[in-house]
N, C-alpha and C. Protein backbone atom coordinates (compact mmCIF):
# COMPACT_ATOMS: atom_id res chain seq x y z
N UNK A 1 19.38 1.44 15.63
CA UNK A 1 18.58 2.27 14.04
C UNK A 1 19.43 3.51 13.59
N UNK A 2 20.30 2.99 12.30
CA UNK A 2 21.07 3.73 11.79
C UNK A 2 20.28 4.81 10.51
N UNK A 3 20.63 5.53 9.88
CA UNK A 3 19.39 6.02 8.63
C UNK A 3 18.85 7.06 8.87
N UNK A 4 18.61 7.18 7.51
CA UNK A 4 17.21 8.77 7.01
C UNK A 4 15.75 7.29 7.16
N UNK A 5 15.47 8.11 8.03
CA UNK A 5 13.78 7.76 7.95
C UNK A 5 12.82 8.74 7.66
N UNK A 6 11.76 8.45 7.41
CA UNK A 6 11.19 9.44 6.83
C UNK A 6 9.89 10.08 8.81
N UNK A 7 9.82 11.34 8.04
CA UNK A 7 8.80 11.96 9.43
C UNK A 7 8.00 11.63 9.75
N UNK A 8 7.62 11.16 11.39
CA UNK A 8 6.16 10.13 12.19
C UNK A 8 5.40 10.11 11.75
N UNK A 9 5.15 11.91 11.41
CA UNK A 9 4.26 12.18 10.90
C UNK A 9 3.59 11.85 9.08
N UNK A 10 4.42 12.01 8.47
CA UNK A 10 4.17 10.92 7.15
C UNK A 10 4.26 9.08 7.81
N UNK A 11 4.72 8.53 8.31
CA UNK A 11 4.44 7.55 8.71
C UNK A 11 3.11 6.93 9.88
N UNK A 12 1.99 8.24 10.61
CA UNK A 12 1.30 7.28 10.87
C UNK A 12 -0.13 7.62 10.19
N UNK A 13 -0.36 9.61 9.13
CA UNK A 13 -0.43 8.86 7.92
C UNK A 13 -0.65 8.22 6.85
N UNK A 14 0.27 7.39 6.96
CA UNK A 14 0.79 5.97 5.51
C UNK A 14 0.12 5.09 6.34
N UNK A 15 0.23 4.39 7.65
CA UNK A 15 -0.21 3.27 8.21
C UNK A 15 -1.90 3.72 8.83
N UNK A 16 -2.90 5.11 8.91
CA UNK A 16 -3.97 5.75 9.29
C UNK A 16 -4.72 4.68 7.97
N UNK A 17 -4.00 5.10 6.35
CA UNK A 17 -4.68 5.23 5.80
C UNK A 17 -4.85 3.39 4.64
N UNK A 18 -3.14 2.48 5.59
CA UNK A 18 -3.88 1.63 5.09
C UNK A 18 -4.66 0.34 6.56
N UNK A 19 -4.39 1.21 7.25
CA UNK A 19 -5.65 0.55 8.06
C UNK A 19 -7.25 0.96 8.23
N UNK A 20 -7.67 1.91 7.42
CA UNK A 20 -8.44 2.55 6.22
C UNK A 20 -8.98 1.83 6.27
N UNK A 21 -8.55 0.78 4.95
CA UNK A 21 -8.53 1.20 3.87
C UNK A 21 -8.53 -0.50 3.87
N UNK A 22 -7.90 -1.34 4.82
CA UNK A 22 -8.27 -2.68 5.60
C UNK A 22 -9.71 -3.30 5.77
N UNK A 23 -10.14 -1.91 6.88
CA UNK A 23 -11.60 -1.85 7.83
C UNK A 23 -12.27 -1.56 6.30
N UNK A 24 -12.35 -1.22 5.35
CA UNK A 24 -12.94 -0.49 4.61
C UNK A 24 -13.55 -2.19 3.79
N UNK A 25 -12.78 -2.46 2.54
CA UNK A 25 -12.64 -3.95 2.70
C UNK A 25 -12.85 -4.58 3.72
N UNK A 26 -13.17 -4.90 4.39
CA UNK A 26 -13.44 -6.02 5.00
C UNK A 26 -14.90 -5.36 5.38
N UNK A 27 -15.68 -4.39 5.70
CA UNK A 27 -16.89 -3.77 5.65
C UNK A 27 -17.45 -3.78 4.74
N UNK A 28 -17.20 -3.66 3.52
CA UNK A 28 -17.49 -4.25 1.97
C UNK A 28 -18.28 -5.73 1.64
N UNK A 29 -16.85 -6.95 2.37
CA UNK A 29 -17.10 -7.88 2.45
C UNK A 29 -18.63 -8.07 3.32
N UNK A 30 -18.63 -8.23 4.55
CA UNK A 30 -19.46 -8.48 4.77
C UNK A 30 -20.69 -8.40 4.05
N UNK A 31 -20.78 -6.56 4.23
CA UNK A 31 -21.73 -6.79 3.03
C UNK A 31 -22.57 -6.39 1.86
N UNK A 32 -21.27 -7.12 0.93
CA UNK A 32 -21.71 -8.28 0.42
C UNK A 32 -21.53 -7.26 -0.63
N UNK A 33 -20.78 -6.67 -0.81
CA UNK A 33 -20.15 -5.30 -2.26
C UNK A 33 -19.18 -5.65 -1.91
N UNK A 34 -18.79 -5.67 -3.76
CA UNK A 34 -17.40 -5.81 -4.16
C UNK A 34 -15.97 -6.64 -3.51
N UNK A 35 -16.50 -8.32 -2.68
CA UNK A 35 -16.68 -8.82 -2.42
C UNK A 35 -15.08 -9.07 -2.92
N UNK A 36 -14.43 -9.70 -4.03
CA UNK A 36 -13.45 -10.76 -4.38
C UNK A 36 -12.39 -9.03 -4.97
N UNK A 37 -12.92 -8.27 -5.08
CA UNK A 37 -12.09 -6.79 -5.45
C UNK A 37 -12.06 -6.50 -4.34
N UNK A 38 -12.99 -6.68 -2.95
CA UNK A 38 -11.75 -6.38 -1.68
C UNK A 38 -11.25 -7.29 -0.98
N UNK A 39 -11.03 -8.68 -1.27
CA UNK A 39 -10.49 -9.99 -0.72
C UNK A 39 -9.06 -9.21 -1.57
N UNK A 40 -8.83 -9.30 -3.12
CA UNK A 40 -7.66 -9.24 -3.19
C UNK A 40 -7.03 -6.96 -2.35
N UNK A 41 -7.86 -6.77 -2.11
CA UNK A 41 -7.22 -5.14 -1.67
C UNK A 41 -6.45 -5.67 -0.10
N UNK A 42 -7.50 -6.68 0.80
CA UNK A 42 -6.62 -6.81 1.59
C UNK A 42 -5.87 -8.12 1.77
N UNK A 43 -5.57 -8.04 0.80
CA UNK A 43 -4.03 -8.66 0.45
C UNK A 43 -2.77 -9.08 0.42
N UNK A 44 -3.21 -7.85 -0.59
CA UNK A 44 -2.20 -6.97 -1.61
C UNK A 44 -2.15 -5.82 -0.30
N UNK A 45 -2.56 -5.44 0.92
CA UNK A 45 -2.51 -3.93 2.00
C UNK A 45 -1.42 -4.96 2.88
N UNK A 46 -0.89 -6.23 2.95
CA UNK A 46 -0.81 -6.60 3.72
C UNK A 46 0.90 -7.30 3.46
N UNK A 47 0.64 -7.54 2.30
CA UNK A 47 1.69 -8.47 1.35
C UNK A 47 2.51 -7.46 0.59
N UNK A 48 2.12 -5.87 0.31
CA UNK A 48 2.83 -4.86 -0.02
C UNK A 48 3.67 -4.55 1.23
N UNK A 49 2.94 -4.51 2.22
CA UNK A 49 4.22 -4.29 3.62
C UNK A 49 5.10 -5.03 4.03
N UNK A 50 4.71 -6.14 4.22
CA UNK A 50 5.58 -7.55 4.28
C UNK A 50 7.16 -6.80 3.33
N UNK A 51 6.33 -7.55 1.70
CA UNK A 51 7.14 -7.01 0.46
C UNK A 51 8.53 -6.58 1.08
N UNK A 52 8.22 -4.77 1.47
CA UNK A 52 8.64 -3.77 0.93
C UNK A 52 9.36 -3.54 2.99
N UNK A 53 9.27 -3.52 3.50
CA UNK A 53 9.96 -3.77 4.84
C UNK A 53 11.57 -5.09 4.35
N UNK A 54 10.96 -6.21 3.54
CA UNK A 54 11.76 -7.28 3.41
C UNK A 54 13.32 -5.83 2.81
N UNK A 55 12.39 -5.42 1.57
CA UNK A 55 13.39 -5.58 0.43
C UNK A 55 13.95 -3.76 1.01
N UNK A 56 13.04 -3.54 1.76
CA UNK A 56 14.16 -1.68 2.47
C UNK A 56 15.26 -2.52 3.33
N UNK A 57 15.15 -3.21 4.53
CA UNK A 57 16.51 -3.49 4.99
C UNK A 57 17.28 -3.33 4.63
N UNK A 58 17.51 -3.71 3.12
CA UNK A 58 19.07 -2.95 2.94
C UNK A 58 19.33 -1.89 2.18
N UNK A 59 18.12 -1.19 2.05
CA UNK A 59 18.76 0.31 1.59
C UNK A 59 20.07 0.95 2.56
N UNK A 60 19.97 2.37 1.99
CA UNK A 60 21.79 3.00 2.04
C UNK A 60 21.28 2.93 3.36
N UNK A 61 21.61 3.83 4.01
CA UNK A 61 21.82 4.51 5.81
C UNK A 61 22.07 6.08 5.23
N UNK A 62 21.62 6.40 4.11
CA UNK A 62 21.39 7.69 3.48
C UNK A 62 20.62 8.53 2.56
N UNK A 63 19.15 6.55 2.76
CA UNK A 63 18.04 7.11 1.46
C UNK A 63 17.13 6.36 3.24
N UNK A 64 15.68 7.61 2.70
CA UNK A 64 14.86 7.10 3.49
C UNK A 64 14.45 5.85 2.85
N UNK A 65 12.80 5.36 3.49
CA UNK A 65 11.75 4.44 2.53
C UNK A 65 11.80 4.65 1.45
N UNK A 66 11.09 5.96 1.56
CA UNK A 66 10.56 6.46 -0.23
C UNK A 66 12.02 7.11 -1.00
N UNK A 67 12.84 7.60 -0.88
CA UNK A 67 14.00 7.16 -1.69
C UNK A 67 14.52 6.21 -2.31
N UNK A 68 14.41 4.50 -1.58
CA UNK A 68 14.42 3.29 -2.31
C UNK A 68 13.68 2.89 -2.93
N UNK A 69 12.91 3.44 -1.89
CA UNK A 69 11.07 3.17 -2.92
C UNK A 69 11.58 3.03 -4.48
N UNK A 70 11.79 4.70 -4.93
CA UNK A 70 11.33 4.97 -5.89
C UNK A 70 12.84 5.07 -6.79
N UNK A 71 14.15 4.90 -6.29
CA UNK A 71 15.16 4.65 -6.42
C UNK A 71 15.56 2.71 -7.78
N UNK A 72 14.71 2.02 -6.37
CA UNK A 72 14.55 0.71 -7.13
C UNK A 72 14.28 0.88 -7.89
N UNK A 73 12.41 1.59 -8.36
CA UNK A 73 11.54 1.37 -9.05
C UNK A 73 12.37 2.26 -10.72
N UNK A 74 12.96 3.43 -10.27
CA UNK A 74 13.67 3.67 -10.85
C UNK A 74 14.79 2.68 -12.53
N UNK A 75 15.70 1.85 -10.88
CA UNK A 75 15.70 0.54 -11.38
C UNK A 75 15.24 -0.62 -12.72
N UNK A 76 13.98 -0.30 -12.61
CA UNK A 76 13.16 -1.56 -12.69
C UNK A 76 12.81 -3.27 -11.62
N UNK A 77 13.37 -2.97 -10.82
CA UNK A 77 13.29 -4.26 -9.86
C UNK A 77 11.65 -4.72 -9.22
N UNK A 78 11.95 -5.21 -9.39
CA UNK A 78 10.43 -6.78 -9.24
C UNK A 78 10.31 -6.25 -8.17
N UNK A 79 10.80 -6.39 -6.61
CA UNK A 79 9.80 -6.33 -5.88
C UNK A 79 8.79 -5.07 -5.99
N UNK A 80 9.18 -3.82 -6.38
CA UNK A 80 9.26 -2.07 -6.35
C UNK A 80 8.01 -2.27 -7.34
N UNK A 81 8.67 -2.56 -8.62
CA UNK A 81 7.41 -2.89 -9.40
C UNK A 81 6.55 -3.19 -8.88
N UNK A 82 6.22 -4.58 -8.03
CA UNK A 82 4.41 -5.31 -7.40
C UNK A 82 4.23 -4.22 -7.00
N UNK A 83 5.17 -3.10 -5.76
CA UNK A 83 5.02 -3.10 -4.62
C UNK A 83 4.15 -1.59 -5.27
N UNK A 84 4.45 -0.76 -6.57
CA UNK A 84 3.48 -0.17 -7.04
C UNK A 84 2.31 -0.26 -8.16
N UNK A 85 2.48 -1.38 -8.18
CA UNK A 85 1.35 -2.15 -9.54
C UNK A 85 0.24 -2.39 -8.19
N UNK A 86 0.37 -2.64 -7.02
CA UNK A 86 0.02 -2.20 -6.03
C UNK A 86 -1.07 -1.71 -5.59
N UNK A 87 -0.10 -0.63 -4.66
CA UNK A 87 -0.88 0.52 -4.46
C UNK A 87 -1.43 1.01 -5.93
N UNK A 88 -1.27 0.80 -7.45
CA UNK A 88 -2.03 1.31 -7.83
C UNK A 88 -4.15 0.36 -8.03
N UNK A 89 -3.66 -0.76 -8.07
CA UNK A 89 -4.41 -1.67 -7.77
C UNK A 89 -5.63 -0.96 -6.47
N UNK A 90 -4.90 -0.54 -5.27
CA UNK A 90 -5.92 -0.51 -3.40
C UNK A 90 -6.11 1.17 -4.93
N UNK A 91 -5.79 1.83 -5.12
CA UNK A 91 -5.97 2.87 -5.69
C UNK A 91 -7.00 3.24 -6.76
N UNK A 92 -6.98 1.98 -7.39
CA UNK A 92 -8.30 1.46 -8.25
C UNK A 92 -9.76 1.02 -7.53
N UNK A 93 -9.60 0.27 -6.50
CA UNK A 93 -10.35 -0.03 -5.57
C UNK A 93 -11.01 0.97 -5.28
N UNK A 94 -10.17 1.81 -4.43
CA UNK A 94 -10.44 2.92 -3.42
C UNK A 94 -12.03 3.63 -4.40
N UNK A 95 -10.93 4.65 -5.20
CA UNK A 95 -12.37 4.75 -6.77
C UNK A 95 -13.56 3.95 -7.52
N UNK A 96 -12.73 2.67 -7.40
CA UNK A 96 -14.40 1.86 -7.37
C UNK A 96 -15.69 2.04 -6.38
N UNK A 97 -14.25 2.13 -5.36
CA UNK A 97 -15.46 1.93 -4.23
C UNK A 97 -16.51 2.85 -3.23
N UNK A 98 -16.03 4.65 -3.97
CA UNK A 98 -16.51 5.68 -4.04
C UNK A 98 -17.52 5.89 -5.13
N UNK A 99 -17.23 5.09 -6.81
CA UNK A 99 -18.24 5.84 -7.27
C UNK A 99 -19.74 4.42 -7.03
N UNK A 100 -19.05 3.22 -6.28
CA UNK A 100 -20.49 2.10 -6.32
C UNK A 100 -21.26 2.93 -4.90
N UNK A 101 -20.53 3.98 -4.36
CA UNK A 101 -20.75 4.16 -2.76
C UNK A 101 -22.03 5.02 -3.42
N UNK A 102 -21.61 5.76 -4.55
CA UNK A 102 -22.43 7.56 -4.84
C UNK A 102 -23.19 6.55 -5.76
N UNK A 103 -23.16 5.32 -6.57
CA UNK A 103 -24.68 4.99 -7.48
C UNK A 103 -26.04 4.37 -6.61
N UNK A 104 -27.05 4.76 -7.52
CA UNK A 104 -28.36 4.27 -6.43
C UNK A 104 -27.89 2.35 -6.08
């Protein structure tokens, strides 16, 4: 494979956060807490990965994955908007998870 890639430690952190998100969402489902939102989070986490990989294949050899995503987002390509909205949903889900956990 040719072209630039992100450093391995960034990719490791990214996939660790992804795995943590999926595990916590599954735990929420089993505990019957924010079930619908957790199901959407799991599905989005997986679909975002597939979409990012499929549309990241055609990136220029001198761009890494993040550069390609940000460039596509600046061009308002539909896949990048979907991925950005998906990530925003996951961040909002995490905020909701932490606020529900702190509450009574």
